[in-house]
Protein backbone atom coordinates (compact mmCIF):
# COMPACT_ATOMS: atom_id res chain seq x y z
CA MET A 1 -0.06 0.04 0.03
CA LEU A 2 2.93 2.46 0.81
CA PHE A 3 4.36 1.61 -2.60
CA ALA A 4 0.95 2.37 -4.30
CA LYS A 5 0.82 5.79 -2.41
CA LYS A 6 4.28 6.78 -3.69
CA ILE A 7 3.41 5.86 -7.32
CA ILE A 8 0.23 8.11 -6.93
CA ARG A 9 2.29 11.00 -5.53
CA LEU A 10 4.63 10.83 -8.55
CA THR A 11 1.93 10.71 -11.10
CA PRO A 12 1.86 14.56 -11.74
CA PHE A 13 5.66 14.60 -12.11
CA LEU A 14 5.50 11.68 -14.51
CA GLY A 15 2.96 13.48 -16.44
CA LEU A 16 4.94 16.84 -16.49
CA VAL A 17 7.93 14.82 -17.98
CA CYS A 18 5.56 13.43 -20.68
CA PHE A 19 4.71 16.91 -21.75
CA ILE A 20 8.23 18.30 -21.67
CA THR A 21 9.86 15.34 -23.47
CA PRO A 22 8.59 14.81 -26.84
CA THR A 23 7.23 11.31 -27.82
CA LYS A 24 8.92 9.83 -31.02
CA ALA A 25 8.51 7.33 -33.56
CA GLN A 26 6.73 4.38 -31.89
CA ILE A 27 3.64 5.91 -33.59
CA ASN A 28 3.15 4.95 -37.20
CA SER A 29 -0.29 5.59 -38.73
CA PRO A 30 -0.57 6.18 -42.43
CA PHE A 31 -3.99 7.57 -41.59
CA SER A 32 -2.24 10.67 -40.19
CA ARG A 33 -0.97 11.52 -43.81
CA TYR A 34 -4.38 13.19 -44.35
CA GLY A 35 -6.01 16.29 -43.12
CA LEU A 36 -4.27 17.40 -39.95
CA GLY A 37 -3.51 13.90 -38.84
CA THR A 38 -5.36 11.31 -36.67
CA GLU A 39 -7.43 12.89 -33.93
CA ILE A 40 -6.30 12.14 -30.28
CA VAL A 41 -9.13 9.46 -29.55
CA ASN A 42 -11.52 11.71 -27.62
CA SER A 43 -9.09 14.51 -26.56
CA GLN A 44 -10.94 15.01 -23.28
CA ASN A 45 -10.57 14.69 -19.65
CA ALA A 46 -10.25 11.08 -18.48
CA THR A 47 -13.82 11.12 -16.87
CA ASN A 48 -15.28 11.98 -20.28
CA GLN A 49 -13.35 9.40 -22.19
CA ALA A 50 -14.61 6.69 -19.90
CA LEU A 51 -18.08 7.90 -20.88
CA GLY A 52 -17.53 7.36 -24.56
CA GLY A 53 -16.56 11.07 -24.99
CA PHE A 54 -19.78 12.25 -23.45
CA SER A 55 -18.99 16.02 -22.43
CA ALA A 56 -21.72 18.56 -23.59
CA ALA A 57 -24.07 17.80 -20.76
CA TYR A 58 -21.51 16.60 -18.20
CA THR A 59 -22.14 18.34 -14.75
CA SER A 60 -19.90 18.84 -11.78
CA SER A 61 -22.10 16.52 -9.76
CA MET A 62 -20.98 13.66 -11.87
CA ASN A 63 -17.43 13.87 -10.41
CA GLY A 64 -18.45 12.07 -7.24
CA SER A 65 -19.11 13.24 -3.73
CA PHE A 66 -15.68 14.91 -3.15
CA GLY A 67 -13.07 16.52 -5.62
CA GLN A 68 -13.60 17.51 -9.12
CA SER A 69 -12.33 17.15 -12.59
CA ILE A 70 -12.29 20.08 -15.26
CA ASN A 71 -14.54 19.40 -18.24
CA PHE A 72 -12.48 21.77 -20.70
CA ASN A 73 -14.74 20.47 -23.56
CA ASN A 74 -17.57 22.72 -22.32
CA PRO A 75 -16.37 26.09 -20.87
CA ALA A 76 -19.88 26.68 -19.40
CA SER A 77 -18.87 24.13 -16.59
CA TYR A 78 -16.20 26.40 -15.38
CA GLY A 79 -18.84 28.31 -13.30
CA SER A 80 -19.30 25.42 -10.94
CA ILE A 81 -15.62 25.24 -10.17
CA TYR A 82 -15.49 25.40 -6.38
CA MET A 83 -12.00 24.28 -5.68
CA THR A 84 -8.52 25.06 -7.11
CA THR A 85 -7.97 21.84 -9.34
CA PHE A 86 -4.69 20.73 -11.19
CA ASP A 87 -5.85 17.94 -13.81
CA LEU A 88 -3.39 15.83 -15.73
CA GLY A 89 -3.96 13.05 -18.16
CA MET A 90 -1.48 10.63 -20.09
CA ASN A 91 -2.57 7.94 -22.69
CA PHE A 92 -1.01 4.56 -23.29
CA ASN A 93 -1.97 3.57 -26.96
CA ASN A 94 -1.74 0.06 -28.62
CA ASN A 95 -2.67 0.31 -32.54
CA THR A 96 -2.86 -2.55 -35.05
CA LEU A 97 -3.20 -1.26 -38.78
CA LYS A 98 -4.37 -3.98 -41.37
CA LYS A 99 -4.14 -3.66 -45.10
CA LEU A 100 -7.19 -5.60 -46.44
CA SER A 101 -6.38 -5.15 -50.11
CA ALA A 102 -3.51 -6.87 -51.94
CA PRO A 103 -0.80 -7.04 -51.01
CA THR A 104 -2.11 -7.57 -47.45
CA GLY A 105 -0.08 -6.43 -44.53
CA ARG A 106 -0.21 -5.69 -40.85
CA GLU A 107 1.66 -3.40 -38.39
CA GLN A 108 1.45 -2.65 -34.65
CA SER A 109 2.49 0.23 -32.70
CA THR A 110 2.57 1.07 -28.88
CA TYR A 111 3.43 4.36 -27.35
CA LEU A 112 2.96 6.70 -24.47
CA SER A 113 1.63 10.16 -25.04
CA PRO A 114 0.30 13.29 -23.13
CA ASN A 115 -3.22 13.97 -23.18
CA TYR A 116 -3.96 17.23 -21.19
CA ILE A 117 -2.76 19.40 -18.45
CA VAL A 118 -5.34 21.90 -16.95
CA VAL A 119 -5.76 24.15 -14.09
CA GLY A 120 -9.24 25.19 -12.92
CA LEU A 121 -9.91 28.15 -10.46
CA PRO A 122 -13.14 29.47 -8.86
CA MET A 123 -13.24 33.32 -9.45
CA ASP A 124 -16.22 34.09 -7.32
CA LYS A 125 -17.98 31.30 -5.29
CA ASN A 126 -20.91 33.43 -4.53
CA LYS A 127 -21.62 34.66 -8.00
CA LYS A 128 -20.61 31.09 -9.45
CA SER A 129 -17.97 32.21 -11.90
CA GLY A 130 -14.62 30.28 -12.71
CA MET A 131 -11.88 29.93 -15.12
CA ALA A 132 -9.49 27.29 -16.62
CA PHE A 133 -6.44 27.30 -18.57
CA GLY A 134 -4.20 24.43 -19.94
CA LEU A 135 -2.66 22.66 -22.84
CA ARG A 136 -3.80 19.74 -24.91
CA PRO A 137 -2.78 17.97 -28.18
CA VAL A 138 -5.71 17.86 -30.80
CA SER A 139 -4.23 15.56 -33.51
CA GLN A 140 -0.93 13.93 -34.40
CA ILE A 141 1.03 13.21 -37.60
CA ASN A 142 3.59 10.54 -37.55
CA TYR A 143 4.02 7.78 -40.18
CA ALA A 144 6.74 6.02 -42.28
CA VAL A 145 5.62 4.12 -45.17
CA ASN A 146 7.57 2.33 -47.80
CA GLU A 147 6.52 1.56 -51.31
CA THR A 148 8.21 -0.37 -54.15
CA LYS A 149 6.83 -0.18 -57.70
CA LYS A 150 7.94 -0.89 -61.23
CA ILE A 151 7.95 2.04 -63.97
CA SER A 152 7.44 1.58 -67.62
CA SER A 153 11.09 1.44 -68.23
CA GLY A 154 11.27 -1.85 -66.31
CA ASP A 155 13.29 -0.23 -63.29
CA THR A 156 11.99 -0.48 -59.70
CA ILE A 157 11.42 2.63 -57.73
CA PHE A 158 11.58 2.58 -54.04
CA ASN A 159 9.50 5.49 -52.24
CA ASN A 160 9.92 6.43 -48.51
CA TYR A 161 6.96 8.52 -47.37
CA THR A 162 7.48 10.15 -43.86
CA GLY A 163 5.40 12.69 -41.79
CA GLN A 164 5.60 14.46 -38.56
CA GLY A 165 3.64 17.13 -36.60
CA GLY A 166 0.17 17.66 -35.41
CA LEU A 167 -2.15 20.41 -33.74
CA ASN A 168 -1.79 21.51 -30.28
CA GLN A 169 -3.98 23.94 -28.35
CA VAL A 170 -3.32 26.51 -25.49
CA PHE A 171 -6.52 27.76 -24.00
CA LEU A 172 -8.07 29.91 -21.49
CA GLY A 173 -11.59 29.80 -20.53
CA PHE A 174 -14.37 31.55 -18.30
CA GLY A 175 -17.77 30.30 -17.11
CA LYS A 176 -20.64 31.75 -15.25
CA SER A 177 -23.55 29.87 -13.64
CA TRP A 178 -27.14 30.80 -12.67
CA LYS A 179 -29.75 28.45 -11.13
CA TYR A 180 -30.57 26.50 -14.27
CA LEU A 181 -28.16 27.95 -16.71
CA SER A 182 -24.46 28.17 -17.11
CA VAL A 183 -22.31 30.00 -20.16
CA GLY A 184 -18.84 30.11 -20.97
CA VAL A 185 -16.15 30.60 -23.54
CA ASN A 186 -12.81 29.04 -24.47
CA THR A 187 -10.09 31.02 -26.38
CA GLY A 188 -6.53 30.61 -26.95
CA TYR A 189 -4.27 29.56 -29.68
CA ASN A 190 -3.96 26.59 -32.08
CA LEU A 191 -0.33 25.78 -33.22
CA GLY A 192 0.22 23.15 -35.65
CA ARG A 193 3.06 21.70 -37.84
CA ARG A 194 3.11 19.42 -40.82
CA LYS A 195 6.38 18.01 -42.28
CA ILE A 196 5.94 15.58 -45.04
CA GLU A 197 8.90 14.04 -46.99
CA ASN A 198 9.22 11.51 -50.07
CA ILE A 199 12.67 10.07 -50.79
CA LYS A 200 12.86 8.17 -53.96
CA SER A 201 15.68 5.84 -55.18
CA PHE A 202 16.24 3.13 -57.88
CA GLN A 203 16.54 -0.46 -56.65
CA ASN A 204 17.71 -3.69 -58.27
CA SER A 205 18.52 -2.09 -61.61
CA SER A 206 21.82 -1.99 -63.54
CA ASP A 207 21.34 1.93 -63.61
CA SER A 208 20.96 2.07 -59.74
CA ASN A 209 24.74 2.87 -59.12
CA TYR A 210 24.44 5.93 -61.48
CA PHE A 211 21.46 7.72 -59.86
CA PHE A 212 21.52 9.59 -56.68
CA GLN A 213 18.41 9.49 -54.60
CA SER A 214 15.86 12.40 -54.48
CA THR A 215 13.83 14.07 -51.77
CA SER A 216 10.71 16.20 -51.85
CA ASN A 217 10.27 18.01 -48.55
CA THR A 218 7.49 20.42 -47.46
CA ASN A 219 7.54 21.86 -44.01
CA THR A 220 4.55 24.04 -42.89
CA VAL A 221 4.04 25.74 -39.64
CA PHE A 222 0.81 27.40 -38.84
CA GLY A 223 -1.47 28.94 -36.04
CA GLY A 224 -4.29 31.18 -35.13
CA VAL A 225 -6.61 32.13 -32.29
CA PHE A 226 -9.90 30.12 -31.88
CA PHE A 227 -13.13 30.62 -29.91
CA GLN A 228 -15.37 28.10 -28.44
CA TRP A 229 -18.75 28.82 -26.97
CA GLY A 230 -20.52 26.51 -24.32
CA LEU A 231 -24.00 26.22 -22.78
CA LEU A 232 -24.95 23.97 -19.87
CA GLY A 233 -27.72 23.58 -17.42
CA GLU A 234 -29.73 21.17 -15.22
CA PHE A 235 -33.26 21.47 -13.66
CA PRO A 236 -35.33 18.97 -11.48
CA ILE A 237 -38.16 16.98 -13.09
CA TYR A 238 -39.26 14.87 -10.13
CA LYS A 239 -38.63 14.62 -6.23
CA ILE A 240 -39.28 12.10 -3.63
CA GLN A 241 -39.06 13.60 -0.18
CA LYS A 242 -37.87 11.24 2.65
CA GLY A 243 -39.19 12.36 5.92
CA LYS A 244 -39.03 16.14 7.21
CA GLY A 245 -35.51 16.44 6.90
CA VAL A 246 -33.12 17.25 3.86
CA GLN A 247 -33.06 13.57 2.80
CA LYS A 248 -34.63 13.24 -0.61
CA THR A 249 -34.10 11.51 -4.02
CA GLU A 250 -34.42 13.85 -6.93
CA TYR A 251 -34.36 13.21 -10.79
CA THR A 252 -32.90 15.90 -12.91
CA LEU A 253 -32.17 16.60 -16.63
CA SER A 254 -29.00 18.21 -17.89
CA TYR A 255 -28.54 19.82 -21.21
CA GLY A 256 -25.33 21.20 -22.94
CA ALA A 257 -23.98 22.46 -26.19
CA THR A 258 -20.81 23.74 -27.70
CA ALA A 259 -20.04 25.51 -30.84
CA SER A 260 -16.84 26.71 -32.51
CA LEU A 261 -16.79 28.77 -35.72
CA ASP A 262 -14.68 28.12 -38.93
CA GLN A 263 -11.08 29.09 -38.25
CA THR A 264 -8.48 30.26 -40.73
CA MET A 265 -4.89 29.84 -39.43
CA LYS A 266 -1.92 31.64 -40.93
CA GLY A 267 1.01 29.56 -42.23
CA LYS A 268 4.57 29.64 -43.40
CA GLN A 269 5.75 26.94 -45.53
CA ASP A 270 9.33 25.71 -46.66
CA ILE A 271 9.80 23.65 -49.75
CA VAL A 272 12.99 21.83 -50.74
CA ARG A 273 13.56 19.57 -53.83
CA SER A 274 16.99 18.03 -54.11
CA THR A 275 19.18 15.02 -55.12
CA GLY A 276 21.83 13.34 -52.98
CA ASN A 277 22.16 10.53 -50.26
CA PHE A 278 19.55 10.44 -47.70
CA THR A 279 19.33 8.02 -44.71
CA ALA A 280 17.57 7.97 -41.38
CA SER A 281 20.71 9.13 -39.67
CA ALA A 282 22.09 11.70 -42.20
CA SER A 283 21.26 13.69 -45.32
CA THR A 284 23.79 14.55 -47.87
CA PRO A 285 22.16 16.92 -50.59
CA LEU A 286 24.40 17.26 -53.81
CA ASP A 287 22.23 19.44 -56.07
CA THR A 288 19.04 21.53 -54.85
CA ALA A 289 16.58 22.21 -57.61
CA THR A 290 14.12 24.06 -55.57
CA TYR A 291 14.50 25.89 -52.05
CA VAL A 292 11.66 28.25 -51.30
CA ARG A 293 11.17 29.54 -47.79
CA ASN A 294 8.41 31.28 -45.75
CA ILE A 295 5.70 30.90 -48.33
CA LYS A 296 2.42 32.31 -46.80
CA GLY A 297 -0.80 30.69 -46.93
CA ASN A 298 -3.94 29.76 -44.93
CA VAL A 299 -5.11 26.38 -43.27
CA THR A 300 -8.96 26.42 -42.62
CA ILE A 301 -10.70 23.99 -40.35
CA PRO A 302 -14.43 23.76 -39.93
CA ALA A 303 -16.96 24.69 -37.19
CA GLN A 304 -17.82 22.03 -34.68
CA TYR A 305 -21.18 21.58 -32.94
CA THR A 306 -22.13 19.39 -29.95
CA PHE A 307 -25.32 18.74 -28.13
CA GLY A 308 -26.17 16.36 -25.24
CA LEU A 309 -28.90 15.41 -22.71
CA ALA A 310 -28.40 13.44 -19.57
CA LEU A 311 -30.95 12.04 -16.88
CA HIS A 312 -29.54 12.13 -13.27
CA LYS A 313 -30.66 10.42 -10.16
CA LYS A 314 -29.48 12.48 -7.14
CA GLN A 315 -29.36 11.43 -3.45
CA TYR A 316 -29.44 14.24 -0.73
CA ASP A 317 -28.88 13.92 2.90
CA THR A 318 -27.15 15.93 5.73
CA ARG A 319 -23.61 15.27 4.29
CA GLY A 320 -24.43 16.63 0.92
CA SER A 321 -25.63 15.37 -2.37
CA TYR A 322 -24.24 13.05 -5.19
CA ASP A 323 -25.49 11.56 -8.58
CA GLN A 324 -26.27 7.92 -7.91
CA TRP A 325 -26.67 7.16 -11.65
CA VAL A 326 -26.46 9.23 -14.83
CA LEU A 327 -27.59 8.23 -18.57
CA GLY A 328 -26.51 10.60 -21.28
CA ILE A 329 -26.51 10.73 -25.03
CA GLU A 330 -24.65 13.26 -27.36
CA TYR A 331 -24.30 14.17 -30.95
CA ASN A 332 -21.54 16.19 -32.68
CA SER A 333 -20.62 17.19 -36.22
CA ALA A 334 -18.06 19.06 -38.50
CA ALA A 335 -18.11 19.65 -42.24
CA TRP A 336 -14.36 18.72 -42.80
CA LYS A 337 -14.92 17.77 -46.46
CA ASP A 338 -16.86 20.91 -47.23
CA LYS A 339 -14.85 23.53 -45.24
CA TYR A 340 -11.18 22.16 -44.85
CA SER A 341 -8.45 23.60 -47.13
CA PHE A 342 -4.65 23.49 -46.68
CA TYR A 343 -2.99 26.12 -48.77
CA GLY A 344 -5.97 26.08 -51.00
CA GLN A 345 -5.93 22.35 -51.39
CA LYS A 346 -8.68 19.90 -50.50
CA ASP A 347 -7.99 16.38 -49.11
CA LEU A 348 -9.54 12.99 -48.74
CA LEU A 349 -11.81 13.95 -45.90
CA SER A 350 -15.42 13.29 -44.81
CA ASN A 351 -18.17 15.34 -43.03
CA ALA A 352 -17.74 13.91 -39.51
CA SER A 353 -20.41 13.09 -37.16
CA MET A 354 -20.57 11.03 -33.98
CA ILE A 355 -23.33 9.63 -31.58
CA ARG A 356 -22.40 8.91 -28.04
CA VAL A 357 -24.22 7.13 -25.12
CA ALA A 358 -22.90 7.15 -21.72
CA ALA A 359 -23.73 5.61 -18.33
CA GLN A 360 -22.45 6.16 -14.67
CA PHE A 361 -23.17 4.61 -11.37
CA CYS A 362 -21.90 5.22 -7.79
CA PRO A 363 -23.53 2.95 -5.11
CA ASN A 364 -23.20 5.36 -2.00
CA ALA A 365 -20.69 8.17 -2.19
CA PHE A 366 -21.07 8.76 1.69
CA ASN A 367 -20.58 5.17 2.76
CA TYR A 368 -16.99 5.64 3.92
CA GLU A 369 -16.77 2.28 5.58
CA SER A 370 -17.04 0.53 1.98
CA TYR A 371 -14.49 2.12 -0.24
CA TRP A 372 -15.84 0.44 -3.39
CA SER A 373 -19.29 1.94 -2.57
CA THR A 374 -17.66 5.37 -3.00
CA VAL A 375 -15.98 4.48 -6.41
CA THR A 376 -17.78 6.05 -9.48
CA TYR A 377 -18.21 3.41 -12.34
CA ARG A 378 -18.46 4.62 -15.93
CA THR A 379 -19.06 3.07 -19.30
CA GLY A 380 -19.86 4.43 -22.75
CA PHE A 381 -20.16 3.83 -26.59
CA TYR A 382 -19.56 5.87 -29.68
CA THR A 383 -20.12 5.30 -33.31
CA GLY A 384 -19.72 7.55 -36.39
CA THR A 385 -17.86 8.70 -39.42
CA ASP A 386 -14.45 9.67 -38.94
CA TYR A 387 -13.17 12.88 -40.77
CA LEU A 388 -10.59 10.82 -42.77
CA ASN A 389 -11.75 9.06 -45.96
CA ILE A 390 -8.48 7.88 -47.52
CA ASP A 391 -10.12 5.41 -50.01
CA ASN A 392 -13.30 7.46 -50.59
CA LYS A 393 -15.29 4.78 -49.19
CA GLY A 394 -16.09 6.51 -45.93
CA LEU A 395 -14.24 5.49 -42.70
CA LYS A 396 -16.47 4.34 -39.81
CA ILE A 397 -15.12 4.55 -36.37
CA SER A 398 -16.74 2.85 -33.14
CA ALA A 399 -15.51 1.98 -29.68
CA LEU A 400 -16.62 0.76 -26.30
CA THR A 401 -15.27 2.56 -23.23
CA MET A 402 -15.31 2.05 -19.51
CA GLY A 403 -13.69 3.55 -16.60
CA LEU A 404 -13.29 4.26 -12.71
CA GLY A 405 -13.28 7.33 -10.68
CA LEU A 406 -11.14 6.43 -7.55
CA PRO A 407 -10.85 8.60 -4.54
CA ILE A 408 -7.48 8.41 -3.20
CA ARG A 409 -7.68 10.38 0.11
CA LYS A 410 -10.02 9.13 2.79
CA TYR A 411 -12.66 11.65 3.58
CA ARG A 412 -11.94 13.98 6.71
CA SER A 413 -14.43 16.62 7.76
CA TYR A 414 -11.54 18.91 8.68
CA ASP A 415 -9.57 18.47 5.45
CA LEU A 416 -10.09 20.58 2.13
CA GLN A 417 -7.92 18.64 -0.16
CA TYR A 418 -9.09 15.87 -2.40
CA THR A 419 -7.46 13.69 -4.79
CA LEU A 420 -9.11 11.59 -7.67
CA LEU A 421 -7.64 9.12 -9.83
CA ASN A 422 -9.63 8.77 -12.91
CA LEU A 423 -9.07 5.57 -15.38
CA ALA A 424 -10.49 5.12 -18.93
CA LEU A 425 -10.10 2.35 -21.35
CA GLN A 426 -11.15 2.47 -24.94
CA VAL A 427 -11.36 -0.45 -27.38
CA GLY A 428 -12.28 0.21 -30.93
CA GLN A 429 -11.98 0.26 -34.61
CA ARG A 430 -11.24 2.69 -37.37
CA GLY A 431 -12.58 1.24 -40.84
CA SER A 432 -14.33 -1.70 -41.93
CA ASP A 433 -14.30 -4.60 -44.35
CA VAL A 434 -15.26 -2.25 -47.20
CA ASN A 435 -12.05 -0.21 -46.65
CA ASP A 436 -8.55 -0.74 -47.84
CA TYR A 437 -7.27 -0.32 -44.46
CA LYS A 438 -8.69 -0.95 -40.92
CA GLU A 439 -7.21 -0.07 -37.63
CA ASN A 440 -7.80 -1.65 -34.02
CA PHE A 441 -6.94 0.60 -31.10
CA VAL A 442 -6.75 0.26 -27.47
CA GLN A 443 -6.23 3.39 -25.38
CA PHE A 444 -5.76 3.57 -21.65
CA THR A 445 -6.00 7.00 -19.92
CA LEU A 446 -4.71 7.85 -16.52
CA GLY A 447 -6.22 10.93 -15.16
CA TYR A 448 -4.82 12.56 -11.79
CA SER A 449 -6.92 15.27 -10.38
CA LEU A 450 -5.70 17.10 -7.36
CA SER A 451 -8.31 19.78 -5.65
CA ASP A 452 -7.66 22.02 -2.81
CA VAL A 453 -9.21 25.26 -1.28
CA TRP A 454 -6.93 28.12 -2.00
CA PHE A 455 -6.75 31.98 -1.51
CA ASN A 456 -9.26 31.76 1.43
CA LYS A 457 -9.16 34.76 3.71
CA ARG A 458 -8.43 33.93 7.32
CA LYS A 459 -11.21 34.75 9.78
CA TYR A 460 -10.87 35.33 13.55
CA ASP A 461 -13.51 35.37 16.15
């Protein structure tokens, strides 16, 4: 038990190391060649990931009896932040890519990556206003694909395609709550990079020794300010009173929506076309045909819309209240095919949409004598159309999710510090038998949430 406590205390430091130290080439997904790369599977808090990505109508009461996690996907939730909270998430991923068309193939990759780092602060508890700021990756580009093909002359050409980069987001948000309504806004900066390279060389030919390799390298850095609006609310629909005290059972309905407008990011692009000798460890260009720097252009990404509903069963007694169970549903969409462009060029994309369903259960958050009664159990499912469409056949994506909300510190009435360990597991598939490629993925997310009451004025009798 002592060893486990030491590991838990080290969790935030391990997470910071993951953010500071870049993850390298264990990732290899040819899907990331298109658009802005493969999306981080549900780039959300671990609590939301365990619920199938359900976040629009996620309320603060779903965090459990004590402690909280920051729902940064809906800034309207910031109005209910009542303690200063440090939230950190890390992903462990295992992907298996299968090529279904001839020649068939299979490749597996396993890697650790950062998911989010967020700080939430109550601004005015009486007026129910709060703020949050943080950093999270939105998409990732990392692939290395080899291709061998014969040309009309009878020679064999070897192509090595590689790509690196992705889109990251730094954000700051504010939220304000009233009785049955909360509103909020996130703003910040999206910063992206896409570097793609193709090295060509002759193979198995009598002329191979007389030709140098050639490389085509395009490196683009882009960024821009973004805005996201959020709406969230919860109201009672049925109540069962238990005696004359505060004890009661209440059924409530929560609703939520988020929206972001089309965003155009400014970019600078460098293009190099040269011949020479190029390996993984060294590049020796001998003749450069094209070298152009700082080409200005635009990268446009579409607006995204989300709407969700949830039914809650709440239990009230003298110690407070908690959600005993929650059932939720959510829909989100984005017109990537219609609106996306990269330096004026379209890509093999689809208009994306997703349906998510979620369920959560906590037996009795106030039964401190039974630890597992205070644990929050979560599960979910999502299915829809991915924004990537690499073979023009549509790319379906679906996954089953599950997770736990584990209170780490034992409740003490005199203590104002709470720690939650949120675990999430996703098992899913991108693509189907109609596609040329299919990817099975398993993602385990570890979320660490530390909440405390800061900046309280001292009072004396």
